[in-house]
N, C-alpha and C. Protein backbone atom coordinates (compact mmCIF):
# COMPACT_ATOMS: atom_id res chain seq x y z
N MET A 1 -136.22 172.27 -150.39
CA MET A 1 -136.19 171.36 -149.28
C MET A 1 -134.81 171.42 -148.52
N LEU A 2 -133.78 171.42 -149.41
CA LEU A 2 -132.43 171.48 -148.88
C LEU A 2 -132.17 172.91 -148.17
N ASN A 3 -132.74 173.99 -148.71
CA ASN A 3 -132.66 175.20 -148.01
C ASN A 3 -133.35 175.15 -146.73
N MET A 4 -134.44 174.55 -146.59
CA MET A 4 -135.17 174.41 -145.29
C MET A 4 -134.29 173.66 -144.33
N CYS A 5 -133.67 172.63 -144.77
CA CYS A 5 -132.86 171.81 -143.81
C CYS A 5 -131.60 172.59 -143.44
N ARG A 6 -131.08 173.35 -144.32
CA ARG A 6 -129.91 174.19 -143.96
C ARG A 6 -130.25 175.18 -143.00
N PHE A 7 -131.38 175.80 -143.18
CA PHE A 7 -131.99 176.79 -142.13
C PHE A 7 -132.05 176.09 -140.69
N TRP A 8 -132.61 175.00 -140.71
CA TRP A 8 -132.74 174.36 -139.33
C TRP A 8 -131.42 174.01 -138.79
N ALA A 9 -130.53 173.51 -139.65
CA ALA A 9 -129.18 173.22 -139.15
C ALA A 9 -128.48 174.44 -138.56
N LEU A 10 -128.65 175.47 -139.37
CA LEU A 10 -128.07 176.81 -138.87
C LEU A 10 -128.65 177.38 -137.60
N LEU A 11 -129.88 177.12 -137.49
CA LEU A 11 -130.66 177.57 -136.29
C LEU A 11 -130.24 176.77 -135.06
N ALA A 12 -130.07 175.35 -135.22
CA ALA A 12 -129.71 174.56 -134.26
C ALA A 12 -128.16 174.86 -133.82
N ALA A 13 -127.31 175.11 -134.87
CA ALA A 13 -126.03 175.39 -134.59
C ALA A 13 -125.88 176.72 -133.74
N SER A 14 -126.66 177.69 -134.10
CA SER A 14 -126.70 178.97 -133.28
C SER A 14 -127.06 178.84 -131.98
N ILE A 15 -128.09 178.05 -131.75
CA ILE A 15 -128.58 177.75 -130.28
C ILE A 15 -127.30 176.97 -129.61
N GLU A 16 -126.75 175.96 -130.20
CA GLU A 16 -125.72 175.27 -129.62
C GLU A 16 -124.48 176.29 -129.22
N ARG A 17 -124.23 177.28 -129.96
CA ARG A 17 -123.15 178.26 -129.60
C ARG A 17 -123.49 178.80 -128.28
N PHE A 18 -124.76 179.20 -127.93
CA PHE A 18 -125.00 179.73 -126.62
C PHE A 18 -124.88 178.61 -125.61
N ALA A 19 -125.36 177.42 -125.84
CA ALA A 19 -125.30 176.30 -125.03
C ALA A 19 -123.81 175.94 -124.61
N VAL A 20 -122.97 175.90 -125.51
CA VAL A 20 -121.65 175.56 -125.28
C VAL A 20 -120.93 176.64 -124.54
N GLU A 21 -121.30 177.97 -124.62
CA GLU A 21 -120.69 178.99 -123.85
C GLU A 21 -121.21 178.89 -122.45
N ILE A 22 -122.43 178.52 -122.25
CA ILE A 22 -122.90 178.34 -120.80
C ILE A 22 -122.24 177.22 -120.20
N ARG A 23 -122.08 176.06 -120.87
CA ARG A 23 -121.42 174.91 -120.32
C ARG A 23 -119.94 175.31 -119.90
N ASN A 24 -119.15 176.02 -120.64
CA ASN A 24 -117.90 176.44 -120.32
C ASN A 24 -117.82 177.43 -119.12
N LEU A 25 -118.83 178.37 -119.08
CA LEU A 25 -118.89 179.36 -118.12
C LEU A 25 -119.32 178.77 -116.79
N GLN A 26 -120.01 177.50 -116.77
CA GLN A 26 -120.44 176.88 -115.63
C GLN A 26 -119.36 176.02 -115.02
N ARG A 27 -118.23 175.82 -115.64
CA ARG A 27 -117.19 175.00 -115.10
C ARG A 27 -116.87 175.38 -113.69
N THR A 28 -116.51 174.36 -112.86
CA THR A 28 -116.24 174.78 -111.35
C THR A 28 -115.15 175.75 -111.27
N ASP A 29 -114.09 175.82 -112.12
CA ASP A 29 -113.02 176.72 -112.00
C ASP A 29 -113.28 178.12 -112.66
N VAL A 30 -114.46 178.24 -113.31
CA VAL A 30 -114.87 179.43 -113.88
C VAL A 30 -116.08 180.00 -113.19
N LEU A 31 -117.27 179.39 -113.27
CA LEU A 31 -118.46 179.73 -112.61
C LEU A 31 -118.88 181.11 -112.76
N GLU A 32 -118.88 181.70 -114.00
CA GLU A 32 -119.44 182.93 -114.08
C GLU A 32 -120.93 183.07 -114.31
N VAL A 33 -121.52 181.94 -114.87
CA VAL A 33 -122.91 181.79 -114.95
C VAL A 33 -123.24 180.35 -114.69
N GLU A 34 -124.59 180.16 -114.51
CA GLU A 34 -124.99 178.85 -114.05
C GLU A 34 -126.46 178.67 -114.38
N GLU A 35 -126.73 177.44 -114.93
CA GLU A 35 -128.08 177.06 -115.22
C GLU A 35 -128.88 177.04 -113.89
N PHE A 36 -130.17 177.56 -113.81
CA PHE A 36 -131.01 177.48 -112.73
C PHE A 36 -131.07 176.10 -112.14
N PHE A 37 -130.91 175.88 -110.86
CA PHE A 37 -130.75 174.57 -110.25
C PHE A 37 -132.11 174.51 -109.42
N SER A 38 -133.07 173.70 -109.92
CA SER A 38 -134.35 173.64 -109.24
C SER A 38 -134.20 172.63 -108.03
N LYS A 39 -135.21 172.98 -107.21
CA LYS A 39 -135.27 172.25 -105.93
C LYS A 39 -135.46 170.70 -106.03
N GLY A 40 -134.67 169.97 -105.46
CA GLY A 40 -134.74 168.47 -105.56
C GLY A 40 -133.79 167.93 -106.76
N GLN A 41 -133.33 168.82 -107.56
CA GLN A 41 -132.51 168.43 -108.70
C GLN A 41 -131.20 167.83 -108.32
N LYS A 42 -130.85 166.66 -108.87
CA LYS A 42 -129.59 166.10 -108.53
C LYS A 42 -128.38 166.65 -109.39
N GLY A 43 -127.21 166.58 -108.90
CA GLY A 43 -126.13 167.07 -109.51
C GLY A 43 -125.30 165.94 -110.21
N SER A 44 -124.01 166.01 -110.25
CA SER A 44 -123.16 165.01 -110.89
C SER A 44 -123.31 163.66 -110.03
N SER A 45 -123.50 162.59 -110.62
CA SER A 45 -123.49 161.29 -109.80
C SER A 45 -122.28 160.96 -109.15
N ALA A 46 -121.01 161.34 -109.80
CA ALA A 46 -119.74 161.16 -109.31
C ALA A 46 -119.16 162.06 -108.38
N MET A 47 -119.52 163.33 -108.70
CA MET A 47 -118.87 164.39 -107.98
C MET A 47 -120.02 165.23 -107.35
N PRO A 48 -120.46 165.07 -106.25
CA PRO A 48 -121.63 165.82 -105.57
C PRO A 48 -121.55 167.29 -105.62
N HIS A 49 -120.36 167.82 -105.63
CA HIS A 49 -120.18 169.32 -105.67
C HIS A 49 -120.73 170.02 -106.97
N LYS A 50 -120.74 169.11 -108.00
CA LYS A 50 -121.07 169.65 -109.41
C LYS A 50 -122.47 169.89 -109.73
N ARG A 51 -122.94 170.95 -110.27
CA ARG A 51 -124.17 171.12 -110.77
C ARG A 51 -124.06 171.06 -112.38
N ASN A 52 -124.41 170.05 -112.93
CA ASN A 52 -124.20 169.78 -114.26
C ASN A 52 -125.20 170.62 -115.11
N PRO A 53 -124.61 171.31 -116.26
CA PRO A 53 -125.49 172.07 -117.13
C PRO A 53 -126.32 171.21 -117.99
N ILE A 54 -127.18 170.28 -117.56
CA ILE A 54 -127.88 169.35 -118.25
C ILE A 54 -128.68 169.99 -119.45
N ARG A 55 -129.27 170.98 -119.33
CA ARG A 55 -130.06 171.55 -120.52
C ARG A 55 -129.27 171.98 -121.60
N SER A 56 -128.04 172.63 -121.20
CA SER A 56 -127.11 173.09 -122.33
C SER A 56 -126.60 171.84 -122.92
N GLU A 57 -126.20 170.87 -122.20
CA GLU A 57 -125.67 169.66 -122.84
C GLU A 57 -126.64 168.93 -123.70
N ARG A 58 -127.98 168.94 -123.32
CA ARG A 58 -129.04 168.33 -124.14
C ARG A 58 -129.11 169.12 -125.44
N LEU A 59 -129.01 170.43 -125.37
CA LEU A 59 -129.21 171.25 -126.58
C LEU A 59 -127.90 170.92 -127.48
N SER A 60 -126.72 170.80 -127.01
CA SER A 60 -125.58 170.43 -127.83
C SER A 60 -125.79 169.18 -128.56
N GLY A 61 -126.37 168.17 -127.84
CA GLY A 61 -126.67 166.82 -128.41
C GLY A 61 -127.82 166.97 -129.54
N MET A 62 -128.84 167.65 -129.28
CA MET A 62 -129.84 167.86 -130.23
C MET A 62 -129.41 168.53 -131.42
N ALA A 63 -128.51 169.54 -131.45
CA ALA A 63 -128.03 170.23 -132.54
C ALA A 63 -127.42 169.29 -133.54
N ARG A 64 -126.71 168.35 -132.98
CA ARG A 64 -125.91 167.31 -133.75
C ARG A 64 -127.06 166.56 -134.64
N ILE A 65 -128.04 166.24 -134.01
CA ILE A 65 -129.15 165.43 -134.76
C ILE A 65 -129.66 166.27 -135.88
N VAL A 66 -129.95 167.62 -135.58
CA VAL A 66 -130.63 168.37 -136.67
C VAL A 66 -129.49 168.54 -137.87
N ARG A 67 -128.27 168.76 -137.47
CA ARG A 67 -127.15 169.04 -138.50
C ARG A 67 -127.09 167.73 -139.40
N GLY A 68 -127.35 166.55 -138.69
CA GLY A 68 -127.20 165.29 -139.39
C GLY A 68 -128.22 165.25 -140.39
N TYR A 69 -129.43 165.81 -140.41
CA TYR A 69 -130.37 165.82 -141.41
C TYR A 69 -130.03 166.66 -142.60
N ALA A 70 -129.07 167.52 -142.51
CA ALA A 70 -128.64 168.28 -143.59
C ALA A 70 -127.86 167.45 -144.64
N VAL A 71 -127.22 166.46 -144.09
CA VAL A 71 -126.51 165.47 -144.89
C VAL A 71 -127.56 164.69 -145.52
N ALA A 72 -128.55 164.26 -145.05
CA ALA A 72 -129.60 163.44 -145.65
C ALA A 72 -130.36 164.31 -146.67
N ALA A 73 -130.47 165.60 -146.46
CA ALA A 73 -131.06 166.42 -147.47
C ALA A 73 -130.18 166.54 -148.78
N LEU A 74 -128.79 166.57 -148.52
CA LEU A 74 -127.98 166.59 -149.63
C LEU A 74 -127.93 165.20 -150.38
N GLU A 75 -128.12 164.12 -149.73
CA GLU A 75 -128.28 162.77 -150.38
C GLU A 75 -129.57 162.69 -151.25
N ASN A 76 -130.48 163.56 -150.97
CA ASN A 76 -131.74 163.50 -151.80
C ASN A 76 -131.68 164.27 -153.02
N ILE A 77 -130.52 164.82 -153.25
CA ILE A 77 -130.37 165.63 -154.58
C ILE A 77 -130.29 164.63 -155.74
N ALA A 78 -129.41 163.70 -155.71
CA ALA A 78 -129.23 162.76 -156.93
C ALA A 78 -130.41 161.75 -156.95
N LEU A 79 -131.20 161.85 -157.92
CA LEU A 79 -132.43 160.89 -158.04
C LEU A 79 -132.40 160.24 -159.39
N TRP A 80 -132.75 159.10 -159.50
CA TRP A 80 -132.78 158.34 -160.82
C TRP A 80 -133.83 159.09 -161.85
N HIS A 81 -133.36 159.29 -162.99
CA HIS A 81 -134.15 160.07 -163.98
C HIS A 81 -134.89 161.22 -163.36
N GLU A 82 -134.10 161.94 -162.58
CA GLU A 82 -134.56 163.10 -161.85
C GLU A 82 -135.82 163.08 -161.00
N ARG A 83 -136.31 161.83 -161.00
CA ARG A 83 -137.42 161.80 -159.95
C ARG A 83 -137.77 160.22 -159.70
N ASP A 84 -137.24 159.69 -158.52
CA ASP A 84 -137.67 158.60 -157.99
C ASP A 84 -138.30 158.75 -156.62
N ILE A 85 -138.53 157.80 -155.98
CA ILE A 85 -139.26 158.06 -154.62
C ILE A 85 -138.37 157.76 -153.48
N SER A 86 -137.09 157.59 -153.75
CA SER A 86 -136.15 157.44 -152.65
C SER A 86 -135.96 158.49 -151.62
N HIS A 87 -136.23 159.73 -152.07
CA HIS A 87 -136.15 160.89 -151.20
C HIS A 87 -137.42 160.99 -150.36
N SER A 88 -138.55 160.48 -150.66
CA SER A 88 -139.70 160.70 -150.02
C SER A 88 -139.66 160.14 -148.57
N SER A 89 -139.12 158.87 -148.43
CA SER A 89 -139.01 158.22 -147.14
C SER A 89 -138.06 159.06 -146.13
N VAL A 90 -137.07 159.76 -146.65
CA VAL A 90 -136.21 160.59 -145.94
C VAL A 90 -136.92 161.77 -145.39
N GLU A 91 -137.70 162.43 -146.27
CA GLU A 91 -138.35 163.59 -145.97
C GLU A 91 -139.46 163.34 -144.99
N ARG A 92 -140.13 162.34 -145.04
CA ARG A 92 -141.18 161.95 -144.09
C ARG A 92 -140.68 161.85 -142.65
N MET A 93 -139.44 161.54 -142.43
CA MET A 93 -138.67 161.59 -141.20
C MET A 93 -138.15 162.82 -140.84
N MET A 94 -137.55 163.47 -141.81
CA MET A 94 -136.73 164.70 -141.74
C MET A 94 -137.52 165.82 -141.27
N PHE A 95 -138.67 166.02 -142.01
CA PHE A 95 -139.40 167.32 -141.70
C PHE A 95 -139.97 167.32 -140.29
N PRO A 96 -140.77 166.28 -139.90
CA PRO A 96 -141.35 166.29 -138.49
C PRO A 96 -140.31 166.30 -137.45
N ASP A 97 -139.18 165.60 -137.67
CA ASP A 97 -138.11 165.56 -136.62
C ASP A 97 -137.50 166.91 -136.49
N CYS A 98 -137.07 167.52 -137.62
CA CYS A 98 -136.33 168.73 -137.57
C CYS A 98 -137.24 169.79 -136.86
N LEU A 99 -138.50 169.84 -137.30
CA LEU A 99 -139.44 170.98 -136.88
C LEU A 99 -139.73 170.73 -135.29
N THR A 100 -139.91 169.45 -134.92
CA THR A 100 -140.04 169.14 -133.45
C THR A 100 -138.89 169.46 -132.62
N VAL A 101 -137.67 168.99 -133.05
CA VAL A 101 -136.55 169.21 -132.26
C VAL A 101 -136.18 170.77 -132.19
N THR A 102 -136.21 171.41 -133.35
CA THR A 102 -135.87 172.82 -133.21
C THR A 102 -136.88 173.63 -132.42
N HIS A 103 -138.12 173.28 -132.46
CA HIS A 103 -139.01 174.00 -131.63
C HIS A 103 -138.78 173.75 -130.09
N PHE A 104 -138.51 172.46 -129.80
CA PHE A 104 -138.09 172.18 -128.45
C PHE A 104 -136.79 173.00 -128.08
N MET A 105 -135.76 173.06 -128.90
CA MET A 105 -134.55 173.71 -128.64
C MET A 105 -134.81 175.18 -128.43
N LEU A 106 -135.68 175.90 -129.32
CA LEU A 106 -136.05 177.28 -129.11
C LEU A 106 -136.61 177.55 -127.57
N ALA A 107 -137.61 176.64 -127.26
CA ALA A 107 -138.38 176.90 -126.11
C ALA A 107 -137.29 176.68 -124.89
N GLU A 108 -136.41 175.65 -125.00
CA GLU A 108 -135.55 175.29 -124.12
C GLU A 108 -134.47 176.45 -123.70
N ILE A 109 -133.86 176.96 -124.83
CA ILE A 109 -132.86 177.99 -124.69
C ILE A 109 -133.49 179.25 -124.17
N THR A 110 -134.73 179.64 -124.60
CA THR A 110 -135.44 180.71 -124.10
C THR A 110 -135.69 180.70 -122.61
N ASP A 111 -136.13 179.53 -122.05
CA ASP A 111 -136.23 179.29 -120.60
C ASP A 111 -134.92 179.35 -119.79
N LEU A 112 -133.91 178.75 -120.48
CA LEU A 112 -132.68 178.67 -119.87
C LEU A 112 -132.01 180.09 -119.70
N VAL A 113 -132.15 180.97 -120.73
CA VAL A 113 -131.56 182.32 -120.52
C VAL A 113 -132.48 183.13 -119.75
N LYS A 114 -133.69 182.90 -119.57
CA LYS A 114 -134.59 183.71 -118.65
C LYS A 114 -134.16 183.39 -117.17
N ASN A 115 -133.82 182.22 -116.92
CA ASN A 115 -133.56 181.83 -115.59
C ASN A 115 -132.14 181.65 -115.28
N LEU A 116 -131.24 182.13 -116.25
CA LEU A 116 -129.66 181.96 -115.96
C LEU A 116 -129.19 182.68 -114.73
N LEU A 117 -128.43 181.99 -113.97
CA LEU A 117 -127.79 182.61 -112.78
C LEU A 117 -126.47 183.29 -113.24
N VAL A 118 -126.26 184.65 -112.92
CA VAL A 118 -125.08 185.25 -113.35
C VAL A 118 -124.30 185.76 -112.04
N TYR A 119 -122.96 185.42 -112.13
CA TYR A 119 -122.13 185.86 -110.89
C TYR A 119 -121.08 186.90 -111.26
N PRO A 120 -121.42 188.09 -111.15
CA PRO A 120 -120.51 189.29 -111.60
C PRO A 120 -119.27 189.23 -110.72
N GLU A 121 -119.17 188.77 -109.47
CA GLU A 121 -118.13 188.78 -108.63
C GLU A 121 -117.15 187.72 -109.19
N ASN A 122 -117.61 186.66 -109.72
CA ASN A 122 -116.61 185.67 -110.35
C ASN A 122 -116.02 186.13 -111.59
N MET A 123 -116.86 186.90 -112.40
CA MET A 123 -116.30 187.50 -113.58
C MET A 123 -115.11 188.44 -113.15
N GLN A 124 -115.38 189.29 -112.17
CA GLN A 124 -114.29 190.24 -111.74
C GLN A 124 -113.06 189.57 -111.35
N ARG A 125 -113.24 188.38 -110.65
CA ARG A 125 -112.14 187.61 -110.07
C ARG A 125 -111.34 187.01 -111.26
N ASN A 126 -112.12 186.46 -112.24
CA ASN A 126 -111.39 185.91 -113.54
C ASN A 126 -110.62 186.95 -114.22
N LEU A 127 -111.30 188.08 -114.40
CA LEU A 127 -110.51 189.25 -115.14
C LEU A 127 -109.23 189.58 -114.51
N ASN A 128 -109.24 189.51 -113.13
CA ASN A 128 -108.13 189.97 -112.30
C ASN A 128 -107.07 188.89 -112.00
N CYS A 129 -107.36 187.68 -112.49
CA CYS A 129 -106.45 186.53 -112.36
C CYS A 129 -104.99 186.92 -112.75
N PHE A 130 -104.09 186.58 -111.87
CA PHE A 130 -102.67 186.88 -112.19
C PHE A 130 -102.46 188.25 -112.46
N GLY A 131 -103.08 189.19 -111.75
CA GLY A 131 -102.97 190.63 -111.97
C GLY A 131 -103.44 191.10 -113.35
N GLY A 132 -104.55 190.61 -113.80
CA GLY A 132 -105.20 190.96 -115.07
C GLY A 132 -104.36 190.52 -116.26
N VAL A 133 -103.91 189.43 -116.36
CA VAL A 133 -103.04 189.00 -117.39
C VAL A 133 -103.88 188.96 -118.72
N VAL A 134 -105.26 188.97 -118.58
CA VAL A 134 -106.14 188.90 -119.84
C VAL A 134 -105.95 190.26 -120.54
N PHE A 135 -105.30 191.32 -120.00
CA PHE A 135 -105.29 192.53 -120.59
C PHE A 135 -103.96 192.63 -121.46
N SER A 136 -103.29 191.60 -121.64
CA SER A 136 -101.96 191.67 -122.32
C SER A 136 -102.01 192.10 -123.65
N GLN A 137 -103.19 191.77 -124.46
CA GLN A 137 -103.11 192.39 -125.69
C GLN A 137 -103.21 193.92 -125.76
N ARG A 138 -104.05 194.55 -124.86
CA ARG A 138 -104.14 196.05 -124.71
C ARG A 138 -102.78 196.64 -124.49
N VAL A 139 -101.93 195.97 -123.64
CA VAL A 139 -100.60 196.52 -123.21
C VAL A 139 -99.74 196.39 -124.39
N LEU A 140 -99.85 195.32 -125.18
CA LEU A 140 -99.04 195.08 -126.50
C LEU A 140 -99.30 196.18 -127.43
N LEU A 141 -100.59 196.54 -127.73
CA LEU A 141 -101.01 197.39 -128.67
C LEU A 141 -100.61 198.89 -128.36
N ALA A 142 -100.80 199.16 -126.99
CA ALA A 142 -100.54 200.49 -126.61
C ALA A 142 -98.85 200.66 -126.72
N LEU A 143 -98.06 199.70 -126.56
CA LEU A 143 -96.61 199.88 -126.65
C LEU A 143 -96.35 200.06 -128.22
N VAL A 144 -97.11 199.23 -129.04
CA VAL A 144 -96.82 199.44 -130.44
C VAL A 144 -97.25 200.84 -130.97
N ASP A 145 -98.30 201.47 -130.47
CA ASP A 145 -98.80 202.57 -130.88
C ASP A 145 -97.94 203.80 -130.47
N LYS A 146 -97.09 203.47 -129.35
CA LYS A 146 -96.13 204.48 -129.00
C LYS A 146 -94.78 204.46 -129.71
N GLY A 147 -94.69 203.44 -130.62
CA GLY A 147 -93.50 203.45 -131.40
C GLY A 147 -92.58 202.35 -131.27
N LEU A 148 -92.79 201.39 -130.29
CA LEU A 148 -92.09 200.25 -130.15
C LEU A 148 -92.47 199.19 -131.16
N SER A 149 -91.53 198.46 -131.68
CA SER A 149 -91.89 197.38 -132.78
C SER A 149 -92.67 196.34 -132.10
N ARG A 150 -93.39 195.72 -132.91
CA ARG A 150 -94.37 194.65 -132.29
C ARG A 150 -93.58 193.50 -131.83
N GLU A 151 -92.50 193.16 -132.30
CA GLU A 151 -91.56 192.07 -131.81
C GLU A 151 -91.00 192.38 -130.49
N GLU A 152 -90.61 193.57 -130.27
CA GLU A 152 -89.97 194.13 -129.06
C GLU A 152 -91.12 194.14 -127.94
N ALA A 153 -92.29 194.77 -128.36
CA ALA A 153 -93.35 194.80 -127.44
C ALA A 153 -93.98 193.47 -127.04
N TYR A 154 -94.05 192.65 -127.93
CA TYR A 154 -94.47 191.23 -127.74
C TYR A 154 -93.51 190.52 -126.69
N SER A 155 -92.27 190.71 -126.85
CA SER A 155 -91.38 190.01 -125.86
C SER A 155 -91.52 190.55 -124.56
N ILE A 156 -91.73 191.75 -124.40
CA ILE A 156 -91.81 192.38 -123.02
C ILE A 156 -93.08 191.91 -122.38
N VAL A 157 -94.13 192.05 -123.09
CA VAL A 157 -95.42 191.67 -122.46
C VAL A 157 -95.51 190.23 -122.17
N GLN A 158 -94.95 189.40 -123.15
CA GLN A 158 -95.01 187.91 -122.91
C GLN A 158 -94.18 187.58 -121.67
N SER A 159 -93.02 188.06 -121.57
CA SER A 159 -92.16 187.90 -120.36
C SER A 159 -92.82 188.18 -119.07
N CYS A 160 -93.54 189.37 -119.05
CA CYS A 160 -94.19 189.80 -117.80
C CYS A 160 -95.37 188.78 -117.52
N ALA A 161 -96.05 188.47 -118.52
CA ALA A 161 -97.27 187.53 -118.44
C ALA A 161 -96.85 186.19 -117.86
N HIS A 162 -95.81 185.59 -118.57
CA HIS A 162 -95.32 184.24 -118.17
C HIS A 162 -94.77 184.28 -116.62
N THR A 163 -94.10 185.32 -116.39
CA THR A 163 -93.58 185.46 -114.87
C THR A 163 -94.76 185.44 -113.97
N ALA A 164 -95.80 186.25 -114.29
CA ALA A 164 -96.92 186.31 -113.43
C ALA A 164 -97.67 184.87 -113.31
N TRP A 165 -97.70 184.31 -114.52
CA TRP A 165 -98.45 182.96 -114.65
C TRP A 165 -97.71 181.94 -113.78
N ASN A 166 -96.47 181.93 -113.69
CA ASN A 166 -95.73 180.92 -113.02
C ASN A 166 -95.40 181.11 -111.64
N GLN A 167 -96.20 182.19 -111.01
CA GLN A 167 -96.06 182.47 -109.57
C GLN A 167 -97.29 182.38 -108.87
N PRO A 168 -97.38 181.79 -107.60
CA PRO A 168 -98.63 181.59 -107.04
C PRO A 168 -99.42 182.99 -106.81
N ASP A 169 -98.74 184.03 -106.57
CA ASP A 169 -99.39 185.39 -106.38
C ASP A 169 -98.91 186.22 -107.46
N GLY A 170 -98.73 185.82 -108.63
CA GLY A 170 -98.15 186.52 -109.79
C GLY A 170 -99.07 187.86 -110.04
N ASN A 171 -98.56 188.94 -110.43
CA ASN A 171 -99.29 190.07 -110.68
C ASN A 171 -98.74 190.80 -112.00
N PHE A 172 -99.42 190.52 -113.05
CA PHE A 172 -99.08 190.96 -114.42
C PHE A 172 -98.99 192.57 -114.39
N GLU A 173 -100.07 193.17 -113.85
CA GLU A 173 -100.11 194.59 -113.87
C GLU A 173 -98.95 195.17 -113.22
N ALA A 174 -98.56 194.59 -112.02
CA ALA A 174 -97.40 195.19 -111.25
C ALA A 174 -96.17 195.04 -111.99
N LEU A 175 -96.03 193.97 -112.56
CA LEU A 175 -94.70 193.57 -113.34
C LEU A 175 -94.58 194.59 -114.52
N ILE A 176 -95.82 194.90 -115.22
CA ILE A 176 -95.82 195.88 -116.38
C ILE A 176 -95.33 197.15 -115.82
N ARG A 177 -95.91 197.75 -114.73
CA ARG A 177 -95.66 198.97 -114.17
C ARG A 177 -94.19 199.10 -113.77
N GLN A 178 -93.54 197.99 -113.29
CA GLN A 178 -92.25 198.02 -113.02
C GLN A 178 -91.07 197.81 -114.03
N ASP A 179 -91.68 197.48 -115.16
CA ASP A 179 -90.65 197.19 -116.36
C ASP A 179 -90.16 198.55 -116.84
N GLU A 180 -88.82 198.64 -116.94
CA GLU A 180 -88.24 199.82 -117.42
C GLU A 180 -88.55 200.22 -118.81
N GLN A 181 -88.55 199.17 -119.68
CA GLN A 181 -88.84 199.45 -121.02
C GLN A 181 -90.23 199.92 -121.28
N VAL A 182 -91.29 199.40 -120.49
CA VAL A 182 -92.70 199.89 -120.57
C VAL A 182 -92.66 201.37 -120.08
N GLN A 183 -91.89 201.65 -118.99
CA GLN A 183 -91.93 203.02 -118.46
C GLN A 183 -91.51 204.08 -119.37
N LYS A 184 -90.61 203.75 -120.37
CA LYS A 184 -90.14 204.62 -121.38
C LYS A 184 -91.27 205.03 -122.31
N TYR A 185 -92.24 204.14 -122.51
CA TYR A 185 -93.29 204.34 -123.65
C TYR A 185 -94.63 204.73 -123.04
N LEU A 186 -94.91 204.31 -121.86
CA LEU A 186 -96.34 204.28 -121.29
C LEU A 186 -96.32 205.09 -119.84
N ASP A 187 -97.02 206.08 -119.70
CA ASP A 187 -97.16 206.69 -118.42
C ASP A 187 -98.12 205.97 -117.55
N GLU A 188 -98.43 206.37 -116.40
CA GLU A 188 -99.39 205.80 -115.47
C GLU A 188 -100.80 205.80 -116.00
N GLY A 189 -101.15 206.82 -116.62
CA GLY A 189 -102.50 206.96 -117.14
C GLY A 189 -102.71 205.97 -118.32
N ALA A 190 -101.78 205.80 -119.22
CA ALA A 190 -101.78 204.94 -120.23
C ALA A 190 -101.88 203.56 -119.77
N ILE A 191 -101.15 203.09 -118.88
CA ILE A 191 -101.23 201.84 -118.24
C ILE A 191 -102.64 201.54 -117.64
N ASP A 192 -103.05 202.44 -116.87
CA ASP A 192 -104.45 202.42 -116.28
C ASP A 192 -105.46 202.14 -117.33
N SER A 193 -105.35 202.80 -118.53
CA SER A 193 -106.34 202.60 -119.54
C SER A 193 -106.20 201.16 -119.97
N CYS A 194 -105.13 200.60 -120.10
CA CYS A 194 -104.81 199.17 -120.55
C CYS A 194 -105.62 198.27 -119.76
N PHE A 195 -105.67 198.50 -118.39
CA PHE A 195 -106.33 197.58 -117.55
C PHE A 195 -107.75 197.96 -117.14
N ASP A 196 -108.31 198.90 -117.99
CA ASP A 196 -109.72 199.27 -117.67
C ASP A 196 -110.69 198.38 -118.51
N PRO A 197 -111.45 197.54 -117.84
CA PRO A 197 -112.51 196.74 -118.50
C PRO A 197 -113.48 197.52 -119.35
N GLN A 198 -113.70 198.78 -119.02
CA GLN A 198 -114.68 199.49 -119.65
C GLN A 198 -114.35 199.70 -121.04
N GLN A 199 -113.06 199.61 -121.51
CA GLN A 199 -112.80 199.74 -122.83
C GLN A 199 -113.43 198.69 -123.79
N HIS A 200 -113.64 197.54 -123.18
CA HIS A 200 -114.37 196.46 -123.86
C HIS A 200 -115.82 196.54 -123.99
N LEU A 201 -116.36 197.55 -123.25
CA LEU A 201 -117.75 197.77 -123.15
C LEU A 201 -118.42 198.94 -123.88
N LYS A 202 -117.44 199.74 -124.49
CA LYS A 202 -117.82 201.01 -125.02
C LYS A 202 -118.87 200.97 -126.18
N HIS A 203 -118.78 199.80 -126.76
CA HIS A 203 -119.84 199.65 -127.93
C HIS A 203 -121.03 198.86 -127.49
N LEU A 204 -121.22 198.68 -126.35
CA LEU A 204 -122.30 197.72 -125.82
C LEU A 204 -123.70 198.20 -126.21
N ASP A 205 -123.94 199.55 -126.10
CA ASP A 205 -125.18 200.01 -126.41
C ASP A 205 -125.51 199.86 -127.92
N VAL A 206 -124.50 199.99 -128.75
CA VAL A 206 -124.67 199.89 -130.30
C VAL A 206 -125.14 198.41 -130.46
N ILE A 207 -124.36 197.47 -129.87
CA ILE A 207 -124.76 196.08 -130.01
C ILE A 207 -126.22 195.80 -129.63
N TYR A 208 -126.62 196.30 -128.48
CA TYR A 208 -128.03 196.15 -127.99
C TYR A 208 -128.98 196.67 -128.92
N GLN A 209 -128.68 197.94 -129.61
CA GLN A 209 -129.55 198.56 -130.48
C GLN A 209 -129.81 197.65 -131.76
N ARG A 210 -128.66 197.04 -132.23
CA ARG A 210 -128.71 196.12 -133.38
C ARG A 210 -129.61 194.93 -133.06
N LEU A 211 -129.53 194.42 -131.82
CA LEU A 211 -130.24 193.23 -131.36
C LEU A 211 -131.79 193.56 -131.44
N ASN A 212 -132.03 194.86 -131.17
CA ASN A 212 -133.45 195.24 -131.05
C ASN A 212 -134.09 195.52 -132.30
N ILE A 213 -133.30 195.63 -133.44
CA ILE A 213 -133.81 195.87 -134.74
C ILE A 213 -134.67 194.78 -135.22
């Protein structure tokens, strides 16, 4: 019984991972994906511009309920003389609740993903924010691979990143290309490779194949 409850709790938590990611990506300042907004649906009552991710928020809340039953299942382990009936009242609530809630969550997340709105142009915009500052790790590792110590490489990359970050039109890539220390270790081709998003997608087919198994 405890194992069943753990399974439900893990299933609910896995669904919540997706729901939390959707909620984060639907933020006004990010807006890379969005829940489908049906005709006549209301948005935020306080901020009319917002389209609240109500289904993802509901899934997050329901996951907490299912995880809470895992605690109840643990409480059912210690019984007087190895067998009293204090556990049965818990199980009569726990089993139907967990089954009903997780079934609803599976149906809800399936429908949510099927109708999810995706905005690639916003993804591109966010990747290029401050001149591609999100690629700082690749620049750091490229410099280390060329023989620069990690401490020195980190200092150079961090300085360029913070400078870009603190300017209205800051451009991290331009600062990296202009840096004299970077020029000693990386040529134009190496820098181009650091800022190429395709590097992060090279194992995508393998991941999809694993999902299809």
